[in-house]
Amino acid sequence: MRAFLITGPGRSEVVDVEPPVAGDGEVVVDVERAGVCGTDMEFFSGEMAYLASGDAAYPVRIGHEWSGTVSALGAGVDLSWLGRRVTGDTMLGCGKCARCTNGRQHLCADRYEIGIRHGWPGALAEQLPVPARALFALPDVVDATLGALVEPGGNALRAVQAARPEPGKKVLVLGPGTIGLLAAMFARAGGAEVHLLGATAESLAFARSLGFDHAWTRDDLSHVPYDAIIDATNAVSLPAFALDRVEPGGRVVFIGLAPEPSLVDTRQAVLKDVTLTGVLSASGGLGATIEAYASGAVDPRPLVAETVGLDQAAEVLAGRRRGSAPKIHIDPRG
């Protein structure tokens, strides 16, 4: 089968590899769609932190946002999975440690991460091996594009759940990228008054095209405190900015990762009685995200600028953009 392989910083190729064989408790998925995100771009540039920590190494097959159809079953897998359209959790815990048995497999010290950690191959390929326990079935109304947006949607939904927005309350989302816009969509679906903070006129114009009229730069953002703030950026200065702008007694959620440590004044957090929460992964949010997409409460398909084939993946990872939408999808069959 054909697969996209990153062999080093800025180096990649589409190669023919042996197709996966489903092991015990695993399935093989024929990939229909895979999303490209900032983590994938960091692998391509060489800036991904796991490369420095030893949790990942070249060559690497990326792709952790995906949808497809189960085409083969390993021993012990329920026969009902065969032929079903699915997506799945990126985080694959050992299943034995205290974190896994307590439902926190995404924090397992020995976890694999599909297309990211410890060499588990990713979805920028025609087929993908996945443990059956990580699968989520997709209803017919959730098409391939929506299916590949479940993983980023699960991240965003968990961030919104941590922010606990109430109907009519003001929520500020920092960063109108894919995760930020998805978080804004989920918060809006819950009845919150959503504001977005961005850095470029183009990104803010795109946010307004999705119905988010309260889209600002730091220069024109109101000084009125916000009941909750979600930081979906990699900006070093914005965690402290969020703490400064949140309403006393409010909540600040961090889902973005800066390239270097961010400094916040914990005295301010104490004196404002603020709740600070970090969110890692979509685990725990995938099922509810599928339900939101299926019901139409949230429709993130406008976030996808284009869908290209494996042969164009390197251009996408190098930063090629078409249009203002933040997400690019790959069809490995194209």
C-alpha atoms as a PDB file:
ATOM      1  CA  MET A   1       0.000   0.000   0.000  1.00  0.00           C
ATOM      2  CA  ARG A   2       1.024   3.637  -0.361  1.00  0.00           C
ATOM      3  CA  ALA A   3       2.006   5.612   2.739  1.00  0.00           C
ATOM      4  CA  PHE A   4       3.477   9.031   3.465  1.00  0.00           C
ATOM      5  CA  LEU A   5       6.756   8.837   5.365  1.00  0.00           C
ATOM      6  CA  ILE A   6       8.731  11.649   7.013  1.00  0.00           C
ATOM      7  CA  THR A   7      12.396  10.644   6.989  1.00  0.00           C
ATOM      8  CA  GLY A   8      13.896  13.768   8.598  1.00  0.00           C
ATOM      9  CA  PRO A   9      13.355  17.511   9.008  1.00  0.00           C
ATOM     10  CA  GLY A  10      11.898  18.751   5.724  1.00  0.00           C
ATOM     11  CA  ARG A  11      12.339  15.339   4.065  1.00  0.00           C
ATOM     12  CA  SER A  12       9.547  12.983   3.079  1.00  0.00           C
ATOM     13  CA  GLU A  13       8.399  10.532   0.441  1.00  0.00           C
ATOM     14  CA  VAL A  14       5.400   8.481  -0.578  1.00  0.00           C
ATOM     15  CA  VAL A  15       6.468   4.856  -0.327  1.00  0.00           C
ATOM     16  CA  ASP A  16       5.073   1.384  -0.956  1.00  0.00           C
ATOM     17  CA  VAL A  17       4.955  -0.582   2.294  1.00  0.00           C
ATOM     18  CA  GLU A  18       3.495  -3.869   3.423  1.00  0.00           C
ATOM     19  CA  PRO A  19      -0.147  -3.426   4.433  1.00  0.00           C
ATOM     20  CA  PRO A  20      -0.942  -3.914   8.121  1.00  0.00           C
ATOM     21  CA  VAL A  21      -2.163  -7.218   9.522  1.00  0.00           C
ATOM     22  CA  ALA A  22      -4.675  -7.055  12.349  1.00  0.00           C
ATOM     23  CA  GLY A  23      -3.200  -8.471  15.553  1.00  0.00           C
ATOM     24  CA  ASP A  24      -5.127  -9.829  18.495  1.00  0.00           C
ATOM     25  CA  GLY A  25      -7.790  -7.306  19.468  1.00  0.00           C
ATOM     26  CA  GLU A  26      -7.028  -5.091  16.461  1.00  0.00           C
ATOM     27  CA  VAL A  27      -8.680  -4.142  13.195  1.00  0.00           C
ATOM     28  CA  VAL A  28      -7.424  -2.791   9.898  1.00  0.00           C
ATOM     29  CA  VAL A  29      -9.124   0.382   8.674  1.00  0.00           C
ATOM     30  CA  ASP A  30      -9.238   1.489   5.040  1.00  0.00           C
ATOM     31  CA  VAL A  31      -8.555   5.198   5.503  1.00  0.00           C
ATOM     32  CA  GLU A  32     -10.948   7.560   3.714  1.00  0.00           C
ATOM     33  CA  ARG A  33      -9.769  10.876   5.126  1.00  0.00           C
ATOM     34  CA  ALA A  34      -6.981  12.141   7.381  1.00  0.00           C
ATOM     35  CA  GLY A  35      -6.428  15.614   8.787  1.00  0.00           C
ATOM     36  CA  VAL A  36      -3.138  17.490   9.026  1.00  0.00           C
ATOM     37  CA  CYS A  37      -2.520  19.489  12.200  1.00  0.00           C
ATOM     38  CA  GLY A  38       0.211  21.495  13.891  1.00  0.00           C
ATOM     39  CA  THR A  39       1.740  18.391  15.482  1.00  0.00           C
ATOM     40  CA  ASP A  40       2.228  16.871  12.025  1.00  0.00           C
ATOM     41  CA  MET A  41       3.850  20.065  10.794  1.00  0.00           C
ATOM     42  CA  GLU A  42       6.225  20.001  13.768  1.00  0.00           C
ATOM     43  CA  PHE A  43       7.295  16.473  12.821  1.00  0.00           C
ATOM     44  CA  PHE A  44       7.989  17.725   9.303  1.00  0.00           C
ATOM     45  CA  SER A  45       9.994  20.726  10.529  1.00  0.00           C
ATOM     46  CA  GLY A  46      11.825  18.747  13.227  1.00  0.00           C
ATOM     47  CA  GLU A  47      10.423  20.879  16.064  1.00  0.00           C
ATOM     48  CA  MET A  48       8.186  18.199  17.596  1.00  0.00           C
ATOM     49  CA  ALA A  49       9.093  17.819  21.290  1.00  0.00           C
ATOM     50  CA  TYR A  50       8.815  14.017  21.191  1.00  0.00           C
ATOM     51  CA  LEU A  51      11.762  13.915  18.791  1.00  0.00           C
ATOM     52  CA  ALA A  52      13.953  15.529  21.454  1.00  0.00           C
ATOM     53  CA  SER A  53      12.556  13.442  24.327  1.00  0.00           C
ATOM     54  CA  GLY A  54      12.968  10.132  22.510  1.00  0.00           C
ATOM     55  CA  ASP A  55       9.253   9.372  22.447  1.00  0.00           C
ATOM     56  CA  ALA A  56       9.358   9.515  18.635  1.00  0.00           C
ATOM     57  CA  ALA A  57      12.029   9.082  15.982  1.00  0.00           C
ATOM     58  CA  TYR A  58      12.386   9.282  12.233  1.00  0.00           C
ATOM     59  CA  PRO A  59      11.172   7.762  10.028  1.00  0.00           C
ATOM     60  CA  VAL A  60       7.615   8.475  11.138  1.00  0.00           C
ATOM     61  CA  ARG A  61       4.230   7.891   9.515  1.00  0.00           C
ATOM     62  CA  ILE A  62       1.977  10.697  10.712  1.00  0.00           C
ATOM     63  CA  GLY A  63      -1.802  11.110  10.840  1.00  0.00           C
ATOM     64  CA  HIS A  64      -3.978  10.934  13.956  1.00  0.00           C
ATOM     65  CA  GLU A  65      -7.184  12.623  12.735  1.00  0.00           C
ATOM     66  CA  TRP A  66      -8.921  10.092  10.520  1.00  0.00           C
ATOM     67  CA  SER A  67     -12.009   8.243   9.374  1.00  0.00           C
ATOM     68  CA  GLY A  68     -12.441   5.068   7.367  1.00  0.00           C
ATOM     69  CA  THR A  69     -14.012   1.621   7.101  1.00  0.00           C
ATOM     70  CA  VAL A  70     -13.009  -1.527   8.962  1.00  0.00           C
ATOM     71  CA  SER A  71     -11.805  -4.074   6.399  1.00  0.00           C
ATOM     72  CA  ALA A  72     -10.183  -6.787   8.534  1.00  0.00           C
ATOM     73  CA  LEU A  73     -10.456  -8.144  12.074  1.00  0.00           C
ATOM     74  CA  GLY A  74      -7.901  -9.701  14.372  1.00  0.00           C
ATOM     75  CA  ALA A  75      -8.534 -12.490  16.821  1.00  0.00           C
ATOM     76  CA  GLY A  76     -11.022 -11.666  19.547  1.00  0.00           C
ATOM     77  CA  VAL A  77     -12.659  -8.706  17.779  1.00  0.00           C
ATOM     78  CA  ASP A  78     -16.451  -8.552  17.594  1.00  0.00           C
ATOM     79  CA  LEU A  79     -17.549  -9.466  14.074  1.00  0.00           C
ATOM     80  CA  SER A  80     -19.962  -6.516  14.028  1.00  0.00           C
ATOM     81  CA  TRP A  81     -17.041  -4.130  13.423  1.00  0.00           C
ATOM     82  CA  LEU A  82     -16.383  -5.538   9.943  1.00  0.00           C
ATOM     83  CA  GLY A  83     -17.520  -3.075   7.267  1.00  0.00           C
ATOM     84  CA  ARG A  84     -18.400  -0.326   9.742  1.00  0.00           C
ATOM     85  CA  ARG A  85     -17.384   3.274   9.230  1.00  0.00           C
ATOM     86  CA  VAL A  86     -15.278   4.420  12.148  1.00  0.00           C
ATOM     87  CA  THR A  87     -12.885   6.866  13.699  1.00  0.00           C
ATOM     88  CA  GLY A  88     -10.855   6.308  16.837  1.00  0.00           C
ATOM     89  CA  ASP A  89      -8.919   7.531  19.833  1.00  0.00           C
ATOM     90  CA  THR A  90      -5.326   8.582  19.217  1.00  0.00           C
ATOM     91  CA  MET A  91      -4.214   7.602  22.726  1.00  0.00           C
ATOM     92  CA  LEU A  92      -3.586   3.880  23.175  1.00  0.00           C
ATOM     93  CA  GLY A  93      -2.819   3.083  26.799  1.00  0.00           C
ATOM     94  CA  CYS A  94      -1.336  -0.173  28.066  1.00  0.00           C
ATOM     95  CA  GLY A  95      -4.707  -1.152  29.537  1.00  0.00           C
ATOM     96  CA  LYS A  96      -3.144  -2.448  32.748  1.00  0.00           C
ATOM     97  CA  CYS A  97      -1.802   0.460  34.797  1.00  0.00           C
ATOM     98  CA  ALA A  98      -3.821   2.431  37.361  1.00  0.00           C
ATOM     99  CA  ARG A  99      -4.347   5.306  34.944  1.00  0.00           C
ATOM    100  CA  CYS A 100      -5.746   3.027  32.247  1.00  0.00           C
ATOM    101  CA  THR A 101      -8.013   1.103  34.592  1.00  0.00           C
ATOM    102  CA  ASN A 102      -9.330   4.402  35.966  1.00  0.00           C
ATOM    103  CA  GLY A 103     -10.300   5.631  32.496  1.00  0.00           C
ATOM    104  CA  ARG A 104      -7.275   7.864  31.952  1.00  0.00           C
ATOM    105  CA  GLN A 105      -5.490   5.868  29.264  1.00  0.00           C
ATOM    106  CA  HIS A 106      -4.522   9.118  27.564  1.00  0.00           C
ATOM    107  CA  LEU A 107      -2.133   9.734  30.475  1.00  0.00           C
ATOM    108  CA  CYS A 108      -0.614   6.240  30.496  1.00  0.00           C
ATOM    109  CA  ALA A 109       3.179   6.520  30.747  1.00  0.00           C
ATOM    110  CA  ASP A 110       3.577   3.656  28.273  1.00  0.00           C
ATOM    111  CA  ARG A 111       0.916   4.783  25.816  1.00  0.00           C
ATOM    112  CA  TYR A 112       1.225   4.701  22.076  1.00  0.00           C
ATOM    113  CA  GLU A 113      -0.200   7.627  20.119  1.00  0.00           C
ATOM    114  CA  ILE A 114      -1.343   6.857  16.595  1.00  0.00           C
ATOM    115  CA  GLY A 115       0.936   8.609  14.134  1.00  0.00           C
ATOM    116  CA  ILE A 116       2.821  10.352  16.962  1.00  0.00           C
ATOM    117  CA  ARG A 117       4.344   8.359  19.820  1.00  0.00           C
ATOM    118  CA  HIS A 118       6.426   5.179  20.046  1.00  0.00           C
ATOM    119  CA  GLY A 119       6.193   4.349  16.369  1.00  0.00           C
ATOM    120  CA  TRP A 120       2.513   3.457  15.954  1.00  0.00           C
ATOM    121  CA  PRO A 121       1.888   4.137  12.235  1.00  0.00           C
ATOM    122  CA  GLY A 122      -0.476   6.942  11.323  1.00  0.00           C
ATOM    123  CA  ALA A 123      -3.336   7.486   8.931  1.00  0.00           C
ATOM    124  CA  LEU A 124      -1.507   9.126   6.024  1.00  0.00           C
ATOM    125  CA  ALA A 125      -1.637   5.738   4.374  1.00  0.00           C
ATOM    126  CA  GLU A 126      -4.198   3.619   2.596  1.00  0.00           C
ATOM    127  CA  GLN A 127      -4.673   1.416   5.661  1.00  0.00           C
ATOM    128  CA  LEU A 128      -4.252   1.800   9.422  1.00  0.00           C
ATOM    129  CA  PRO A 129      -4.070  -0.739  12.261  1.00  0.00           C
ATOM    130  CA  VAL A 130      -6.154   0.222  15.310  1.00  0.00           C
ATOM    131  CA  PRO A 131      -7.049  -1.581  18.554  1.00  0.00           C
ATOM    132  CA  ALA A 132     -10.768  -2.326  18.514  1.00  0.00           C
ATOM    133  CA  ARG A 133     -11.103  -0.801  21.988  1.00  0.00           C
ATOM    134  CA  ALA A 134     -10.163   2.595  20.505  1.00  0.00           C
ATOM    135  CA  LEU A 135     -12.859   2.570  17.795  1.00  0.00           C
ATOM    136  CA  PHE A 136     -15.937   4.764  17.590  1.00  0.00           C
ATOM    137  CA  ALA A 137     -18.649   3.943  15.057  1.00  0.00           C
ATOM    138  CA  LEU A 138     -19.793   6.753  12.766  1.00  0.00           C
ATOM    139  CA  PRO A 139     -23.471   7.126  11.852  1.00  0.00           C
ATOM    140  CA  ASP A 140     -24.324   7.580   8.182  1.00  0.00           C
ATOM    141  CA  VAL A 141     -24.954  11.314   8.608  1.00  0.00           C
ATOM    142  CA  VAL A 142     -21.339  11.822   9.735  1.00  0.00           C
ATOM    143  CA  ASP A 143     -19.448  11.796   6.435  1.00  0.00           C
ATOM    144  CA  ALA A 144     -15.723  11.219   5.894  1.00  0.00           C
ATOM    145  CA  THR A 145     -14.888  14.876   6.401  1.00  0.00           C
ATOM    146  CA  LEU A 146     -16.771  15.088   9.686  1.00  0.00           C
ATOM    147  CA  GLY A 147     -15.307  11.763  10.758  1.00  0.00           C
ATOM    148  CA  ALA A 148     -11.767  13.086  10.378  1.00  0.00           C
ATOM    149  CA  LEU A 149     -12.767  16.152  12.408  1.00  0.00           C
ATOM    150  CA  VAL A 150     -13.901  14.113  15.408  1.00  0.00           C
ATOM    151  CA  GLU A 151     -10.431  13.970  16.981  1.00  0.00           C
ATOM    152  CA  PRO A 152      -9.790  17.743  16.932  1.00  0.00           C
ATOM    153  CA  GLY A 153     -13.430  18.240  17.874  1.00  0.00           C
ATOM    154  CA  GLY A 154     -12.991  16.024  20.919  1.00  0.00           C
ATOM    155  CA  ASN A 155     -10.064  18.164  22.054  1.00  0.00           C
ATOM    156  CA  ALA A 156     -12.111  21.322  21.641  1.00  0.00           C
ATOM    157  CA  LEU A 157     -15.155  19.863  23.361  1.00  0.00           C
ATOM    158  CA  ARG A 158     -13.101  18.831  26.395  1.00  0.00           C
ATOM    159  CA  ALA A 159     -11.713  22.370  26.576  1.00  0.00           C
ATOM    160  CA  VAL A 160     -15.231  23.801  26.514  1.00  0.00           C
ATOM    161  CA  GLN A 161     -16.416  21.321  29.139  1.00  0.00           C
ATOM    162  CA  ALA A 162     -13.531  22.429  31.363  1.00  0.00           C
ATOM    163  CA  ALA A 163     -14.502  26.081  30.825  1.00  0.00           C
ATOM    164  CA  ARG A 164     -18.083  25.282  31.913  1.00  0.00           C
ATOM    165  CA  PRO A 165     -19.717  28.086  29.963  1.00  0.00           C
ATOM    166  CA  GLU A 166     -23.291  28.908  30.912  1.00  0.00           C
ATOM    167  CA  PRO A 167     -25.935  30.267  28.528  1.00  0.00           C
ATOM    168  CA  GLY A 168     -25.436  33.983  28.063  1.00  0.00           C
ATOM    169  CA  LYS A 169     -22.036  34.047  29.754  1.00  0.00           C
ATOM    170  CA  LYS A 170     -19.035  35.501  27.919  1.00  0.00           C
ATOM    171  CA  VAL A 171     -16.380  33.050  26.722  1.00  0.00           C
ATOM    172  CA  LEU A 172     -13.182  34.264  25.074  1.00  0.00           C
ATOM    173  CA  VAL A 173     -11.312  31.846  22.811  1.00  0.00           C
ATOM    174  CA  LEU A 174      -7.717  32.764  22.083  1.00  0.00           C
ATOM    175  CA  GLY A 175      -6.672  31.642  18.615  1.00  0.00           C
ATOM    176  CA  PRO A 176      -9.036  31.191  15.634  1.00  0.00           C
ATOM    177  CA  GLY A 177      -7.280  28.075  14.326  1.00  0.00           C
ATOM    178  CA  THR A 178      -8.951  24.684  14.015  1.00  0.00           C
ATOM    179  CA  ILE A 179      -9.120  23.916  17.748  1.00  0.00           C
ATOM    180  CA  GLY A 180     -10.068  27.472  18.659  1.00  0.00           C
ATOM    181  CA  LEU A 181     -12.867  27.632  16.103  1.00  0.00           C
ATOM    182  CA  LEU A 182     -14.155  24.211  17.110  1.00  0.00           C
ATOM    183  CA  ALA A 183     -14.161  25.314  20.743  1.00  0.00           C
ATOM    184  CA  ALA A 184     -16.046  28.448  19.725  1.00  0.00           C
ATOM    185  CA  MET A 185     -18.618  26.308  17.888  1.00  0.00           C
ATOM    186  CA  PHE A 186     -19.187  24.029  20.875  1.00  0.00           C
ATOM    187  CA  ALA A 187     -19.435  26.983  23.273  1.00  0.00           C
ATOM    188  CA  ARG A 188     -21.918  28.712  20.965  1.00  0.00           C
ATOM    189  CA  ALA A 189     -23.979  25.522  20.703  1.00  0.00           C
ATOM    190  CA  GLY A 190     -24.218  25.599  24.497  1.00  0.00           C
ATOM    191  CA  GLY A 191     -25.620  29.124  24.464  1.00  0.00           C
ATOM    192  CA  ALA A 192     -22.527  31.092  25.480  1.00  0.00           C
ATOM    193  CA  GLU A 193     -21.680  34.508  24.056  1.00  0.00           C
ATOM    194  CA  VAL A 194     -18.469  33.668  22.222  1.00  0.00           C
ATOM    195  CA  HIS A 195     -15.628  36.084  21.538  1.00  0.00           C
ATOM    196  CA  LEU A 196     -12.490  35.249  19.554  1.00  0.00           C
ATOM    197  CA  LEU A 197      -9.028  36.791  19.761  1.00  0.00           C
ATOM    198  CA  GLY A 198      -6.777  36.534  16.710  1.00  0.00           C
ATOM    199  CA  ALA A 199      -3.619  38.025  15.300  1.00  0.00           C
ATOM    200  CA  THR A 200      -4.426  38.500  11.618  1.00  0.00           C
ATOM    201  CA  ALA A 201      -7.217  40.232   9.728  1.00  0.00           C
ATOM    202  CA  GLU A 202      -7.628  37.165   7.495  1.00  0.00           C
ATOM    203  CA  SER A 203      -8.218  34.741  10.373  1.00  0.00           C
ATOM    204  CA  LEU A 204     -10.656  37.114  12.050  1.00  0.00           C
ATOM    205  CA  ALA A 205     -12.540  37.660   8.804  1.00  0.00           C
ATOM    206  CA  PHE A 206     -12.888  33.909   8.429  1.00  0.00           C
ATOM    207  CA  ALA A 207     -14.190  33.640  11.999  1.00  0.00           C
ATOM    208  CA  ARG A 208     -16.788  36.309  11.238  1.00  0.00           C
ATOM    209  CA  SER A 209     -17.823  34.366   8.118  1.00  0.00           C
ATOM    210  CA  LEU A 210     -18.786  31.527  10.481  1.00  0.00           C
ATOM    211  CA  GLY A 211     -21.075  33.855  12.425  1.00  0.00           C
ATOM    212  CA  PHE A 212     -18.657  34.898  15.167  1.00  0.00           C
ATOM    213  CA  ASP A 213     -19.178  38.644  15.077  1.00  0.00           C
ATOM    214  CA  HIS A 214     -17.166  39.231  18.266  1.00  0.00           C
ATOM    215  CA  ALA A 215     -13.731  38.673  16.708  1.00  0.00           C
ATOM    216  CA  TRP A 216     -10.938  40.916  17.929  1.00  0.00           C
ATOM    217  CA  THR A 217      -7.242  41.670  17.982  1.00  0.00           C
ATOM    218  CA  ARG A 218      -5.506  42.536  21.251  1.00  0.00           C
ATOM    219  CA  ASP A 219      -5.687  46.213  20.265  1.00  0.00           C
ATOM    220  CA  ASP A 220      -9.479  46.334  20.057  1.00  0.00           C
ATOM    221  CA  LEU A 221     -10.486  43.685  22.608  1.00  0.00           C
ATOM    222  CA  SER A 222     -12.790  45.020  25.295  1.00  0.00           C
ATOM    223  CA  HIS A 223     -11.378  45.270  28.808  1.00  0.00           C
ATOM    224  CA  VAL A 224     -14.554  43.727  30.238  1.00  0.00           C
ATOM    225  CA  PRO A 225     -13.591  40.493  32.071  1.00  0.00           C
ATOM    226  CA  TYR A 226     -14.676  37.175  30.571  1.00  0.00           C
ATOM    227  CA  ASP A 227     -16.354  34.398  32.542  1.00  0.00           C
ATOM    228  CA  ALA A 228     -14.124  31.795  30.907  1.00  0.00           C
ATOM    229  CA  ILE A 229     -11.118  31.924  28.588  1.00  0.00           C
ATOM    230  CA  ILE A 230      -9.759  29.096  26.440  1.00  0.00           C
ATOM    231  CA  ASP A 231      -6.180  29.461  25.192  1.00  0.00           C
ATOM    232  CA  ALA A 232      -5.866  27.480  21.963  1.00  0.00           C
ATOM    233  CA  THR A 233      -2.637  29.140  20.813  1.00  0.00           C
ATOM    234  CA  ASN A 234       1.094  28.492  21.063  1.00  0.00           C
ATOM    235  CA  ALA A 235       1.827  32.066  22.130  1.00  0.00           C
ATOM    236  CA  VAL A 236       4.106  32.293  25.163  1.00  0.00           C
ATOM    237  CA  SER A 237       2.474  35.468  26.467  1.00  0.00           C
ATOM    238  CA  LEU A 238      -1.192  34.490  26.245  1.00  0.00           C
ATOM    239  CA  PRO A 239      -1.538  32.291  29.361  1.00  0.00           C
ATOM    240  CA  ALA A 240      -0.706  35.310  31.502  1.00  0.00           C
ATOM    241  CA  PHE A 241      -2.981  37.463  29.346  1.00  0.00           C
ATOM    242  CA  ALA A 242      -5.830  35.001  29.925  1.00  0.00           C
ATOM    243  CA  LEU A 243      -5.327  35.079  33.672  1.00  0.00           C
ATOM    244  CA  ASP A 244      -5.354  38.873  33.584  1.00  0.00           C
ATOM    245  CA  ARG A 245      -8.584  39.086  31.573  1.00  0.00           C
ATOM    246  CA  VAL A 246     -10.696  36.393  33.227  1.00  0.00           C
ATOM    247  CA  GLU A 247     -13.460  37.358  35.646  1.00  0.00           C
ATOM    248  CA  PRO A 248     -12.654  36.661  39.330  1.00  0.00           C
ATOM    249  CA  GLY A 249     -13.989  33.229  40.127  1.00  0.00           C
ATOM    250  CA  GLY A 250     -13.797  32.317  36.438  1.00  0.00           C
ATOM    251  CA  ARG A 251     -12.037  29.528  34.586  1.00  0.00           C
ATOM    252  CA  VAL A 252      -9.022  29.475  32.262  1.00  0.00           C
ATOM    253  CA  VAL A 253      -8.377  26.434  30.069  1.00  0.00           C
ATOM    254  CA  PHE A 254      -5.059  25.750  28.369  1.00  0.00           C
ATOM    255  CA  ILE A 255      -5.079  23.485  25.325  1.00  0.00           C
ATOM    256  CA  GLY A 256      -2.318  25.104  23.243  1.00  0.00           C
ATOM    257  CA  LEU A 257       1.382  24.349  23.727  1.00  0.00           C
ATOM    258  CA  ALA A 258       3.984  27.110  23.519  1.00  0.00           C
ATOM    259  CA  PRO A 259       7.481  26.263  22.242  1.00  0.00           C
ATOM    260  CA  GLU A 260       8.989  27.467  25.514  1.00  0.00           C
ATOM    261  CA  PRO A 261       7.713  27.868  29.090  1.00  0.00           C
ATOM    262  CA  SER A 262       4.940  30.380  29.685  1.00  0.00           C
ATOM    263  CA  LEU A 263       5.055  32.484  32.840  1.00  0.00           C
ATOM    264  CA  VAL A 264       1.967  33.233  34.920  1.00  0.00           C
ATOM    265  CA  ASP A 265       1.674  34.952  38.294  1.00  0.00           C
ATOM    266  CA  THR A 266       0.070  32.382  40.577  1.00  0.00           C
ATOM    267  CA  ARG A 267      -0.589  35.112  43.125  1.00  0.00           C
ATOM    268  CA  GLN A 268      -3.072  36.552  40.641  1.00  0.00           C
ATOM    269  CA  ALA A 269      -4.743  33.165  40.273  1.00  0.00           C
ATOM    270  CA  VAL A 270      -5.101  32.880  44.051  1.00  0.00           C
ATOM    271  CA  LEU A 271      -6.360  36.415  44.597  1.00  0.00           C
ATOM    272  CA  LYS A 272      -8.896  36.055  41.780  1.00  0.00           C
ATOM    273  CA  ASP A 273      -9.917  32.547  42.936  1.00  0.00           C
ATOM    274  CA  VAL A 274      -9.525  31.285  39.366  1.00  0.00           C
ATOM    275  CA  THR A 275      -9.663  27.664  38.195  1.00  0.00           C
ATOM    276  CA  LEU A 276      -6.860  26.758  35.757  1.00  0.00           C
ATOM    277  CA  THR A 277      -7.219  23.570  33.696  1.00  0.00           C
ATOM    278  CA  GLY A 278      -4.988  21.846  31.159  1.00  0.00           C
ATOM    279  CA  VAL A 279      -6.439  19.588  28.463  1.00  0.00           C
ATOM    280  CA  LEU A 280      -4.485  16.791  26.760  1.00  0.00           C
ATOM    281  CA  SER A 281      -6.136  14.874  23.928  1.00  0.00           C
ATOM    282  CA  ALA A 282      -9.647  14.171  22.742  1.00  0.00           C
ATOM    283  CA  SER A 283     -10.022  11.068  24.931  1.00  0.00           C
ATOM    284  CA  GLY A 284     -13.297  11.301  26.779  1.00  0.00           C
ATOM    285  CA  GLY A 285     -14.790  13.717  24.257  1.00  0.00           C
ATOM    286  CA  LEU A 286     -15.028  11.631  21.093  1.00  0.00           C
ATOM    287  CA  GLY A 287     -18.467  10.100  21.581  1.00  0.00           C
ATOM    288  CA  ALA A 288     -20.119  13.411  22.454  1.00  0.00           C
ATOM    289  CA  THR A 289     -18.412  15.064  19.486  1.00  0.00           C
ATOM    290  CA  ILE A 290     -19.858  12.467  17.106  1.00  0.00           C
ATOM    291  CA  GLU A 291     -23.293  13.077  18.611  1.00  0.00           C
ATOM    292  CA  ALA A 292     -22.961  16.850  18.141  1.00  0.00           C
ATOM    293  CA  TYR A 293     -21.943  16.412  14.506  1.00  0.00           C
ATOM    294  CA  ALA A 294     -24.704  13.889  13.840  1.00  0.00           C
ATOM    295  CA  SER A 295     -27.391  16.145  15.306  1.00  0.00           C
ATOM    296  CA  GLY A 296     -26.163  19.198  13.405  1.00  0.00           C
ATOM    297  CA  ALA A 297     -25.585  21.129  16.627  1.00  0.00           C
ATOM    298  CA  VAL A 298     -22.024  21.669  15.414  1.00  0.00           C
ATOM    299  CA  ASP A 299     -20.970  21.536  11.738  1.00  0.00           C
ATOM    300  CA  PRO A 300     -17.230  22.111  11.301  1.00  0.00           C
ATOM    301  CA  ARG A 301     -17.003  21.194   7.612  1.00  0.00           C
ATOM    302  CA  PRO A 302     -16.367  24.843   6.602  1.00  0.00           C
ATOM    303  CA  LEU A 303     -13.049  24.592   8.487  1.00  0.00           C
ATOM    304  CA  VAL A 304     -11.624  22.327   5.754  1.00  0.00           C
ATOM    305  CA  ALA A 305     -10.013  24.401   3.022  1.00  0.00           C
ATOM    306  CA  GLU A 306      -9.287  21.513   0.657  1.00  0.00           C
ATOM    307  CA  THR A 307      -8.702  17.780   0.359  1.00  0.00           C
ATOM    308  CA  VAL A 308      -5.594  16.565  -1.473  1.00  0.00           C
ATOM    309  CA  GLY A 309      -3.795  13.280  -2.106  1.00  0.00           C
ATOM    310  CA  LEU A 310      -0.707  11.796  -0.486  1.00  0.00           C
ATOM    311  CA  ASP A 311       1.501  13.291  -3.196  1.00  0.00           C
ATOM    312  CA  GLN A 312       0.570  16.800  -2.022  1.00  0.00           C
ATOM    313  CA  ALA A 313       1.080  16.106   1.699  1.00  0.00           C
ATOM    314  CA  ALA A 314       4.625  17.487   1.790  1.00  0.00           C
ATOM    315  CA  GLU A 315       3.467  20.817   0.350  1.00  0.00           C
ATOM    316  CA  VAL A 316       0.759  21.039   3.004  1.00  0.00           C
ATOM    317  CA  LEU A 317       3.211  20.245   5.805  1.00  0.00           C
ATOM    318  CA  ALA A 318       5.581  22.886   4.485  1.00  0.00           C
ATOM    319  CA  GLY A 319       2.855  25.497   4.935  1.00  0.00           C
ATOM    320  CA  ARG A 320       1.042  25.728   1.606  1.00  0.00           C
ATOM    321  CA  ARG A 321      -2.393  27.224   2.134  1.00  0.00           C
ATOM    322  CA  ARG A 322      -5.385  27.758  -0.113  1.00  0.00           C
ATOM    323  CA  GLY A 323      -8.076  30.018   1.232  1.00  0.00           C
ATOM    324  CA  SER A 324      -8.708  31.146   4.789  1.00  0.00           C
ATOM    325  CA  ALA A 325     -10.002  27.912   6.319  1.00  0.00           C
ATOM    326  CA  PRO A 326      -7.435  26.418   8.710  1.00  0.00           C
ATOM    327  CA  LYS A 327      -7.670  22.663   8.046  1.00  0.00           C
ATOM    328  CA  ILE A 328      -6.321  20.518   5.200  1.00  0.00           C
ATOM    329  CA  HIS A 329      -7.453  16.937   4.667  1.00  0.00           C
ATOM    330  CA  ILE A 330      -5.668  14.114   2.906  1.00  0.00           C
ATOM    331  CA  ASP A 331      -7.422  11.379   0.928  1.00  0.00           C
ATOM    332  CA  PRO A 332      -4.842   8.559   0.860  1.00  0.00           C
ATOM    333  CA  ARG A 333      -6.686   6.940  -2.032  1.00  0.00           C
ATOM    334  CA  GLY A 334      -6.358  10.062  -4.189  1.00  0.00           C
END
